[in-house]
Every structure is written in structure tokens, then in C-alpha cells.
Amino acid sequence: MKIGLPKEIKDNEYRVGLTPAGVHALAGAGHTVYVEKSAGEGSGFTDEQYVSAGATMLETADEIWAAGDMIVKVKEPIAPEYPRMRENQLLFTYLHLAPEFELTKQMMERNVTGVAYETITDKQGRLPLLTPMSEVAGRMSVQVGATYLEKMNGGKGILLGGVPGVPAANVVIIGGGIVGTEAAKMAVGLGAKVTIIDRNLDRLRQLDDIFLSKVQTLASSRYQIEEAISHADLVIGAVLVVGAAAPKLVTRDMLHLIPQGAVLVDVAVDQGGCFETTRATTHSNPTYYEEGVLHYCVANMPGAVPRTSTFALTNATLPYALDLANKGFERAIADDAGLWEGVNTYAGKCTYEAVATSQNIEYTPLDSLIDRKANAA
């Protein structure tokens, strides 16, 4: 298979879809890997490293997209990349289509096969390709929040962990999944007072055990959220509904409850955000105020630590990329029920129900388009 690795063009996105080691594995399996010139520089990988790994370097993104039967990326295509997508091309990347109507429309009209990292599952029903970036983003959310609590950055001027004789900051984390857990690890480690809110009582019990009762856990309700944020210095949105738009758990009218100078960090922004006042921002212009409350809603947070992120991402994605390349698309998804779940668009149709529901468009089950049994090994 011919595989294209373009340079990411989203604002301040320095990650790359494959490390040289990943390219080496694909090339060693007999595939041709085209890498755009300087694609890996932001993550600390030189063109020479990719060439040594077996890649063929091409000068432009247009050449990469034209050459690749499968395009391996990090972030969803943005407007300048839409015309580069072509019929029957396999796009393997984070797509986060639920809030992206135009991208979904473009992929369907161009008959692009979209396999989304964020909806692939493993045998335990977990999200193995979303997990590494959720871990990065969860840890970063506290780091970022601590920075913006500093007075010169617009916050109330407090140290997250306090000092002897001075109270620590109150951190409220909405969502107890991977992002929420990693955020809590960082916040507890810095000495903050941490509250985690989730609707799953079993998960709250697990978190209570993990943190040895050092965090407060609350069953999610509007009342509990309002009560918690009314004392918060930092609120982290860490809610995930797989493939679907995130529910708006902090509404605009709740913002007046939040203390002046508090910071909101919405890690769910890729799926539309779990704050009603969320709008996607960039690393170039990361914050804004709504109702007097500072919001940080950068849609590619892990892009700020690209070397760590690229290694973590390729560790997770490479086995799937090899399967897709070695077996071909239909055989690979037929053999792996979790990879089947990653298919969001195929043959001009939306094949992921949560995306279709979020956008109010027609949903077409993938098994009505592909005979899974006929394609399985």
C-alpha cells in the first residue's frame, strides 16, 4: 500500500502521524511511505531520519495526498486540505466529526473512507487510540490551569497547592474518565483540593480507591455541579460521550456562580465542549472571557508537547496502521470488531450513529455496505 504522511497545518500543531520507527515498520512490511518534507521537525524528527527509516520524501502536501492510498495524520483535515481528499482514499486520523458538519459533508461528498482514532475500541470496550492523547491533555489541563491562575495571565493570582498557612486552590473536574483521572493525579500531586464529578457511581468508587480518599467524589447532577463550581478556582471539563457531541454541563447562567478570577479549561472542546460557552481556540490565541470568566479551550492541547505526544500516539496507532496496510481496509475491519467501530464515513455515507445523531443527518450502518463475514479471514 502507498501511505502518505503529510505535515500538520492546524495552528501550532507540531505533532506528526508517525515516528521514524513507525515508518520503518511499515516500510519493512513492504509498503511505500511518502513523507512530506519537514513533517516531523516540530516533534524533533529530521527528514534524514525518515529517509533512513525507508521513507520517500516529497516536497508538498499536494504530492503526499495525491500519492497516498492511506493518509495517516494526527488532526482532522481543515479547509485547505478538503480539496486534497479524493475518492476511495483511506484517512486514518482523529476526526471528531460530531461538531464538524462541513468536514463530514466534504468527506461524504468525496467518498473518503474515514477511520477515526477516537472511536476505535479494544476487546474491553476501551478507546486505545484516544487514551494516550487523553492522558497528555488531562495532565496538561492542570499545568495550563495553574498558569492562567497567575495574575499576569488573567487569573486570581493563587498558587494551586498553596503554602503552609495559606489554603490550596479548589479544583473541580467534571468527568472521571482518562482525562479526569490524569488531571486529578496532577492536581493532587501539586497539593490542590480536588473534586471529581461523574455520573457513574462505580467509577467514583474506583477513583476513591485510587486516590486513597484524597479527592472528593460527587455524583453528577446540576445541583452538585453548581455547588462545586461556586467554590472552584479551576474547573476542568473532561466529559466524553464516544463519537457524539459533549453534553453542556456548565451552562451560561451558571457562570455567575464561579468566583471572579477562576479559570475554565474545556478538554472536551474537540467534541464541541462540555461548557455552553465553549468555543474552540488555538495555541496562538488560547483564551477568552465569557461572563467575566476566563476560558481556555484549545482544540489540540497535546500539540504543545509534540515529542511526547507523537511517541505516545504512534505507540498506539501503529498496530492498526499495519493491519490496514497489510490486509487492506475491508479485510482489516472485518477481522477486528474494534477497528470496525472506527469507521465514521464510507462510500459517501455516515456510518457512525453518534455522529449522524449529533448532526441530524442520515445514518447508514456499515454492515449494510460491507459484508463482514465475506471479508473476514
Protein backbone atom coordinates (compact mmCIF):
# COMPACT_ATOMS: atom_id res chain seq x y z
CA MET A 1 0.00 0.00 0.00
CA LYS A 2 1.07 3.59 -0.62
CA ILE A 3 0.92 5.58 2.62
CA GLY A 4 1.10 9.36 2.86
CA LEU A 5 2.32 11.27 5.91
CA PRO A 6 1.57 14.99 5.50
CA LYS A 7 2.71 17.83 7.70
CA GLU A 8 0.01 19.06 10.08
CA ILE A 9 -1.21 22.56 9.28
CA LYS A 10 -3.57 23.33 12.16
CA ASP A 11 -2.48 26.33 14.22
CA ASN A 12 0.63 25.46 16.27
CA GLU A 13 0.20 21.74 15.63
CA TYR A 14 3.66 20.21 15.83
CA ARG A 15 2.75 16.54 16.13
CA VAL A 16 3.17 14.14 13.22
CA GLY A 17 1.24 10.98 12.40
CA LEU A 18 4.19 8.57 12.52
CA THR A 19 7.62 8.49 14.13
CA PRO A 20 10.57 7.25 12.03
CA ALA A 21 10.20 3.94 13.86
CA GLY A 22 6.61 3.72 12.63
CA VAL A 23 7.70 4.45 9.08
CA HIS A 24 10.41 1.78 9.42
CA ALA A 25 7.82 -0.81 10.47
CA LEU A 26 5.52 -0.01 7.53
CA ALA A 27 8.36 0.09 5.02
CA GLY A 28 9.70 -3.17 6.42
CA ALA A 29 6.31 -4.74 5.79
CA GLY A 30 6.66 -3.90 2.11
CA HIS A 31 4.70 -0.66 1.92
CA THR A 32 5.75 2.62 0.32
CA VAL A 33 5.67 5.51 2.78
CA TYR A 34 5.70 9.07 1.45
CA VAL A 35 6.61 11.76 3.96
CA GLU A 36 6.17 15.47 3.36
CA LYS A 37 9.37 17.47 3.73
CA SER A 38 9.83 18.77 7.32
CA ALA A 39 6.68 16.95 8.51
CA GLY A 40 8.43 15.72 11.64
CA GLU A 41 10.51 18.76 12.54
CA GLY A 42 8.06 20.02 15.14
CA SER A 43 8.38 16.72 17.00
CA GLY A 44 12.15 16.63 16.70
CA PHE A 45 12.42 14.21 13.75
CA THR A 46 14.59 15.15 10.77
CA ASP A 47 13.95 14.32 7.14
CA GLU A 48 17.15 12.28 7.21
CA GLN A 49 15.75 10.09 9.98
CA TYR A 50 12.67 9.34 7.88
CA VAL A 51 14.78 8.58 4.82
CA SER A 52 16.96 6.24 6.89
CA ALA A 53 13.76 4.55 8.09
CA GLY A 54 12.75 3.84 4.50
CA ALA A 55 10.55 6.80 3.59
CA THR A 56 10.37 8.60 0.27
CA MET A 57 10.36 12.35 0.84
CA LEU A 58 8.05 14.59 -1.21
CA GLU A 59 8.13 18.37 -1.31
CA THR A 60 4.48 19.32 -0.97
CA ALA A 61 1.28 18.32 0.75
CA ASP A 62 -0.46 18.10 -2.63
CA GLU A 63 2.02 15.41 -3.68
CA ILE A 64 1.51 13.48 -0.44
CA TRP A 65 -2.28 13.45 -0.70
CA ALA A 66 -2.13 12.54 -4.40
CA ALA A 67 0.26 9.65 -3.78
CA GLY A 68 -1.25 8.08 -0.67
CA ASP A 69 -3.88 5.36 -0.77
CA MET A 70 -3.95 5.78 3.01
CA ILE A 71 -3.24 9.11 4.69
CA VAL A 72 -2.01 8.92 8.28
CA LYS A 73 -2.47 12.16 10.24
CA VAL A 74 -2.96 13.46 13.74
CA LYS A 75 -5.71 16.05 13.44
CA GLU A 76 -8.81 16.20 11.28
CA PRO A 77 -8.41 17.88 7.89
CA ILE A 78 -9.13 21.61 7.83
CA ALA A 79 -10.45 23.69 4.93
CA PRO A 80 -7.23 23.93 2.84
CA GLU A 81 -6.98 20.13 2.95
CA TYR A 82 -10.52 19.39 1.77
CA PRO A 83 -9.68 19.63 -1.96
CA ARG A 84 -6.77 17.23 -1.45
CA MET A 85 -9.02 14.40 -0.29
CA ARG A 86 -10.03 12.06 -3.08
CA GLU A 87 -12.44 9.25 -3.78
CA ASN A 88 -11.76 5.91 -2.06
CA GLN A 89 -8.84 7.36 -0.12
CA LEU A 90 -8.45 5.96 3.40
CA LEU A 91 -7.98 8.66 6.03
CA PHE A 92 -6.66 7.39 9.36
CA THR A 93 -6.61 10.16 11.98
CA TYR A 94 -8.53 11.85 14.77
CA LEU A 95 -11.71 13.08 13.10
CA HIS A 96 -14.02 14.31 15.91
CA LEU A 97 -16.79 14.70 13.34
CA ALA A 98 -19.74 15.30 15.70
CA PRO A 99 -19.32 19.12 15.79
CA GLU A 100 -17.74 19.31 12.29
CA PHE A 101 -20.63 19.35 9.83
CA GLU A 102 -18.64 20.77 6.91
CA LEU A 103 -15.84 18.22 7.24
CA THR A 104 -18.36 15.39 7.42
CA LYS A 105 -20.11 16.74 4.32
CA GLN A 106 -16.83 17.04 2.43
CA MET A 107 -15.75 13.51 3.31
CA MET A 108 -19.09 12.08 2.28
CA GLU A 109 -19.24 14.03 -0.98
CA ARG A 110 -15.69 12.97 -1.86
CA ASN A 111 -16.32 9.32 -0.89
CA VAL A 112 -13.43 9.33 1.59
CA THR A 113 -13.19 6.38 3.96
CA GLY A 114 -12.70 7.94 7.39
CA VAL A 115 -11.33 5.77 10.20
CA ALA A 116 -11.34 7.81 13.40
CA TYR A 117 -8.81 7.13 16.12
CA GLU A 118 -11.27 8.28 18.78
CA THR A 119 -13.98 5.67 18.10
CA ILE A 120 -11.82 2.56 17.71
CA THR A 121 -12.36 0.18 20.64
CA ASP A 122 -10.45 -2.76 22.07
CA LYS A 123 -11.81 -6.07 23.37
CA GLN A 124 -12.62 -4.48 26.73
CA GLY A 125 -14.58 -1.67 25.08
CA ARG A 126 -11.90 0.90 25.86
CA LEU A 127 -10.60 3.56 23.46
CA PRO A 128 -6.95 2.62 22.92
CA LEU A 129 -6.13 5.36 20.39
CA LEU A 130 -7.85 8.14 22.31
CA THR A 131 -6.25 7.14 25.60
CA PRO A 132 -2.68 8.41 25.02
CA MET A 133 -3.79 11.90 23.99
CA SER A 134 -6.36 11.95 26.78
CA GLU A 135 -3.54 11.20 29.20
CA VAL A 136 -1.49 14.07 27.80
CA ALA A 137 -4.42 16.50 27.72
CA GLY A 138 -5.55 15.57 31.22
CA ARG A 139 -2.13 16.24 32.67
CA MET A 140 -1.73 19.41 30.64
CA SER A 141 -5.10 20.77 31.77
CA VAL A 142 -3.80 21.28 35.32
CA GLN A 143 -0.49 22.66 34.09
CA VAL A 144 -2.35 25.15 31.89
CA GLY A 145 -4.88 25.95 34.57
CA ALA A 146 -2.13 26.70 37.08
CA THR A 147 -0.51 29.06 34.57
CA TYR A 148 -3.70 31.02 33.91
CA LEU A 149 -4.47 31.31 37.61
CA GLU A 150 -1.41 33.56 37.79
CA LYS A 151 -2.42 37.22 38.00
CA MET A 152 -0.46 38.38 34.95
CA ASN A 153 -2.25 35.75 32.87
CA GLY A 154 -5.71 36.87 33.91
CA GLY A 155 -6.33 34.66 36.94
CA LYS A 156 -6.96 35.45 40.58
CA GLY A 157 -3.30 35.15 41.49
CA ILE A 158 -3.18 31.98 43.53
CA LEU A 159 -0.78 29.07 43.75
CA LEU A 160 -2.51 25.77 43.04
CA GLY A 161 -1.05 23.99 46.05
CA GLY A 162 -0.97 26.94 48.41
CA VAL A 163 1.76 27.09 51.07
CA PRO A 164 1.76 26.35 54.80
CA GLY A 165 -0.78 28.66 56.42
CA VAL A 166 -2.48 29.50 53.09
CA PRO A 167 -5.28 27.39 51.58
CA ALA A 168 -4.68 25.41 48.40
CA ALA A 169 -6.79 26.03 45.31
CA ASN A 170 -10.08 24.23 44.72
CA VAL A 171 -10.00 22.18 41.50
CA VAL A 172 -13.26 20.76 40.13
CA ILE A 173 -13.00 18.07 37.46
CA ILE A 174 -16.19 17.19 35.59
CA GLY A 175 -15.76 13.66 34.25
CA GLY A 176 -13.91 10.76 35.80
CA GLY A 177 -12.50 9.04 32.72
CA ILE A 178 -8.92 9.07 31.45
CA VAL A 179 -8.72 12.87 31.17
CA GLY A 180 -10.29 13.42 34.57
CA THR A 181 -8.12 10.84 36.27
CA GLU A 182 -4.88 12.20 34.82
CA ALA A 183 -5.93 15.75 35.72
CA ALA A 184 -6.63 14.63 39.27
CA LYS A 185 -3.20 12.98 39.54
CA MET A 186 -1.53 16.25 38.63
CA ALA A 187 -3.74 18.42 40.82
CA VAL A 188 -3.39 16.16 43.86
CA GLY A 189 0.35 15.98 43.27
CA LEU A 190 0.55 19.77 43.37
CA GLY A 191 -1.38 19.87 46.64
CA ALA A 192 -4.73 21.21 45.38
CA LYS A 193 -8.11 20.33 46.88
CA VAL A 194 -9.73 18.17 44.20
CA THR A 195 -13.36 17.31 43.49
CA ILE A 196 -14.29 14.84 40.75
CA ILE A 197 -17.84 14.73 39.42
CA ASP A 198 -19.13 11.77 37.41
CA ARG A 199 -22.47 10.07 36.83
CA ASN A 200 -21.03 6.54 37.17
CA LEU A 201 -21.03 5.54 40.83
CA ASP A 202 -18.80 2.52 40.23
CA ARG A 203 -16.23 4.81 38.63
CA LEU A 204 -16.42 7.17 41.61
CA ARG A 205 -15.73 4.22 43.91
CA GLN A 206 -12.69 3.29 41.81
CA LEU A 207 -11.41 6.86 41.96
CA ASP A 208 -11.89 6.99 45.71
CA ASP A 209 -9.74 3.85 45.97
CA ILE A 210 -7.12 5.11 43.50
CA PHE A 211 -6.65 8.37 45.37
CA LEU A 212 -7.00 6.85 48.85
CA SER A 213 -9.83 9.26 49.67
CA LYS A 214 -7.61 12.27 48.94
CA VAL A 215 -10.20 13.59 46.46
CA GLN A 216 -13.86 14.36 46.97
CA THR A 217 -16.17 12.46 44.63
CA LEU A 218 -19.65 13.65 43.72
CA ALA A 219 -22.47 12.00 41.77
CA SER A 220 -23.25 14.25 38.82
CA SER A 221 -26.34 16.46 38.89
CA ARG A 222 -27.00 20.08 38.04
CA TYR A 223 -27.24 20.86 41.75
CA GLN A 224 -23.89 19.24 42.58
CA ILE A 225 -22.14 20.91 39.65
CA GLU A 226 -23.48 24.32 40.65
CA GLU A 227 -22.43 23.80 44.25
CA ALA A 228 -18.93 22.61 43.30
CA ILE A 229 -18.12 25.35 40.79
CA SER A 230 -19.32 28.05 43.18
CA HIS A 231 -16.16 27.36 45.22
CA ALA A 232 -13.82 26.50 42.37
CA ASP A 233 -10.63 28.21 41.34
CA LEU A 234 -10.08 25.87 38.40
CA VAL A 235 -12.79 23.91 36.56
CA ILE A 236 -11.73 21.21 34.11
CA GLY A 237 -14.22 19.82 31.60
CA ALA A 238 -13.33 16.18 30.99
CA VAL A 239 -16.58 14.71 29.67
CA LEU A 240 -16.72 12.18 26.85
CA VAL A 241 -19.64 10.57 25.05
CA VAL A 242 -17.92 8.38 22.46
CA GLY A 243 -18.22 9.86 18.97
CA ALA A 244 -21.01 12.25 19.97
CA ALA A 245 -21.15 15.92 20.90
CA ALA A 246 -20.33 16.51 24.56
CA PRO A 247 -23.28 17.43 26.82
CA LYS A 248 -23.33 21.04 28.05
CA LEU A 249 -22.97 20.50 31.78
CA VAL A 250 -21.91 24.04 32.72
CA THR A 251 -24.41 26.45 31.22
CA ARG A 252 -24.01 30.16 30.63
CA ASP A 253 -26.30 31.04 33.53
CA MET A 254 -24.07 29.03 35.90
CA LEU A 255 -21.03 31.21 35.21
CA HIS A 256 -22.16 33.90 37.64
CA LEU A 257 -21.70 31.33 40.41
CA ILE A 258 -17.99 30.92 39.66
CA PRO A 259 -15.62 33.11 41.72
CA GLN A 260 -14.03 36.04 39.93
CA GLY A 261 -10.61 35.14 38.55
CA ALA A 262 -11.34 31.42 38.25
CA VAL A 263 -10.25 29.51 35.13
CA LEU A 264 -12.23 27.07 32.99
CA VAL A 265 -10.31 24.52 30.87
CA ASP A 266 -12.50 22.51 28.47
CA VAL A 267 -10.66 19.38 27.33
CA ALA A 268 -13.88 18.20 25.63
CA VAL A 269 -13.63 21.01 23.06
CA ASP A 270 -12.87 18.55 20.22
CA GLN A 271 -16.37 17.16 20.68
CA GLY A 272 -17.96 20.59 20.97
CA GLY A 273 -17.13 21.19 24.63
CA CYS A 274 -19.00 20.49 27.86
CA PHE A 275 -19.39 24.19 28.76
CA GLU A 276 -22.17 26.05 26.96
CA THR A 277 -19.82 29.00 26.47
CA THR A 278 -17.02 26.92 24.92
CA ARG A 279 -15.67 27.86 21.52
CA ALA A 280 -12.55 26.32 20.07
CA THR A 281 -9.36 28.36 20.43
CA THR A 282 -5.77 27.91 19.26
CA HIS A 283 -2.36 27.94 20.87
CA SER A 284 -1.82 31.34 19.23
CA ASN A 285 -4.91 32.80 20.91
CA PRO A 286 -5.82 30.31 23.63
CA THR A 287 -8.14 32.18 25.99
CA TYR A 288 -11.16 34.44 26.08
CA TYR A 289 -13.65 35.72 28.64
CA GLU A 290 -17.33 34.86 28.79
CA GLU A 291 -19.46 36.40 31.53
CA GLY A 292 -16.21 37.57 33.10
CA VAL A 293 -14.78 34.03 33.39
CA LEU A 294 -11.50 33.07 31.71
CA HIS A 295 -11.90 30.13 29.30
CA TYR A 296 -9.08 28.01 27.85
CA CYS A 297 -10.46 25.87 25.02
CA VAL A 298 -7.56 24.89 22.76
CA ALA A 299 -8.69 22.09 20.47
CA ASN A 300 -5.26 20.45 20.13
CA MET A 301 -3.75 20.75 23.59
CA PRO A 302 -1.26 17.86 23.15
CA GLY A 303 0.20 19.72 20.15
CA ALA A 304 2.04 21.89 22.65
CA VAL A 305 4.14 18.89 23.74
CA PRO A 306 4.56 17.25 20.33
CA ARG A 307 7.52 15.00 21.00
CA THR A 308 5.89 13.27 23.96
CA SER A 309 2.56 13.18 22.13
CA THR A 310 3.88 11.79 18.85
CA PHE A 311 5.71 8.94 20.56
CA ALA A 312 2.63 8.13 22.66
CA LEU A 313 0.32 8.30 19.65
CA THR A 314 2.40 6.15 17.32
CA ASN A 315 2.79 3.53 20.06
CA ALA A 316 -0.99 3.15 19.94
CA THR A 317 -1.82 3.69 16.26
CA LEU A 318 0.94 1.71 14.54
CA PRO A 319 -0.54 -1.79 15.02
CA TYR A 320 -3.79 -0.59 13.42
CA ALA A 321 -1.98 1.19 10.58
CA LEU A 322 -0.06 -2.03 9.88
CA ASP A 323 -3.29 -4.04 9.86
CA LEU A 324 -4.95 -1.64 7.43
CA ALA A 325 -1.91 -1.62 5.17
CA ASN A 326 -1.17 -5.36 5.31
CA LYS A 327 -4.71 -6.65 4.96
CA GLY A 328 -6.43 -3.82 3.13
CA PHE A 329 -9.33 -1.83 4.55
CA GLU A 330 -12.22 -4.31 4.24
CA ARG A 331 -10.33 -7.34 5.50
CA ALA A 332 -8.75 -5.39 8.39
CA ILE A 333 -12.06 -4.07 9.73
CA ALA A 334 -13.78 -7.42 9.20
CA ASP A 335 -11.12 -9.13 11.31
CA ASP A 336 -11.20 -6.57 14.13
CA ALA A 337 -14.55 -5.54 15.63
CA GLY A 338 -12.89 -2.60 17.38
CA LEU A 339 -11.41 -1.26 14.15
CA TRP A 340 -14.83 -1.68 12.53
CA GLU A 341 -16.13 0.78 15.17
CA GLY A 342 -13.61 3.34 13.93
CA VAL A 343 -15.24 3.73 10.52
CA ASN A 344 -17.13 7.03 10.52
CA THR A 345 -17.60 7.57 6.77
CA TYR A 346 -17.61 5.10 3.90
CA ALA A 347 -18.91 5.12 0.31
CA GLY A 348 -20.39 8.58 0.74
CA LYS A 349 -22.35 7.63 3.88
CA CYS A 350 -22.09 8.46 7.57
CA THR A 351 -21.53 5.11 9.23
CA TYR A 352 -21.20 6.16 12.85
CA GLU A 353 -24.55 6.62 14.56
CA ALA A 354 -23.48 9.13 17.21
CA VAL A 355 -22.08 11.45 14.53
CA ALA A 356 -25.24 11.19 12.47
CA THR A 357 -27.39 11.88 15.51
CA SER A 358 -25.28 14.89 16.54
CA GLN A 359 -25.56 16.39 13.05
CA ASN A 360 -29.12 15.27 12.33
CA ILE A 361 -28.06 13.52 9.13
CA GLU A 362 -28.81 10.07 7.77
CA TYR A 363 -27.06 7.16 9.45
CA THR A 364 -26.13 4.14 7.33
CA PRO A 365 -24.97 1.03 9.23
CA LEU A 366 -21.63 -0.14 7.91
CA ASP A 367 -22.81 -3.74 7.70
CA SER A 368 -25.36 -2.67 5.09
CA LEU A 369 -22.44 -1.56 2.87
CA ILE A 370 -19.82 -4.22 3.65
CA ASP A 371 -20.36 -7.96 4.09
CA ARG A 372 -18.26 -8.52 7.17
CA LYS A 373 -18.35 -12.31 7.09
CA ALA A 374 -17.33 -12.44 3.44
CA ASN A 375 -14.29 -10.23 4.11
CA ALA A 376 -13.09 -11.85 7.34
CA ALA A 377 -10.08 -14.13 7.33
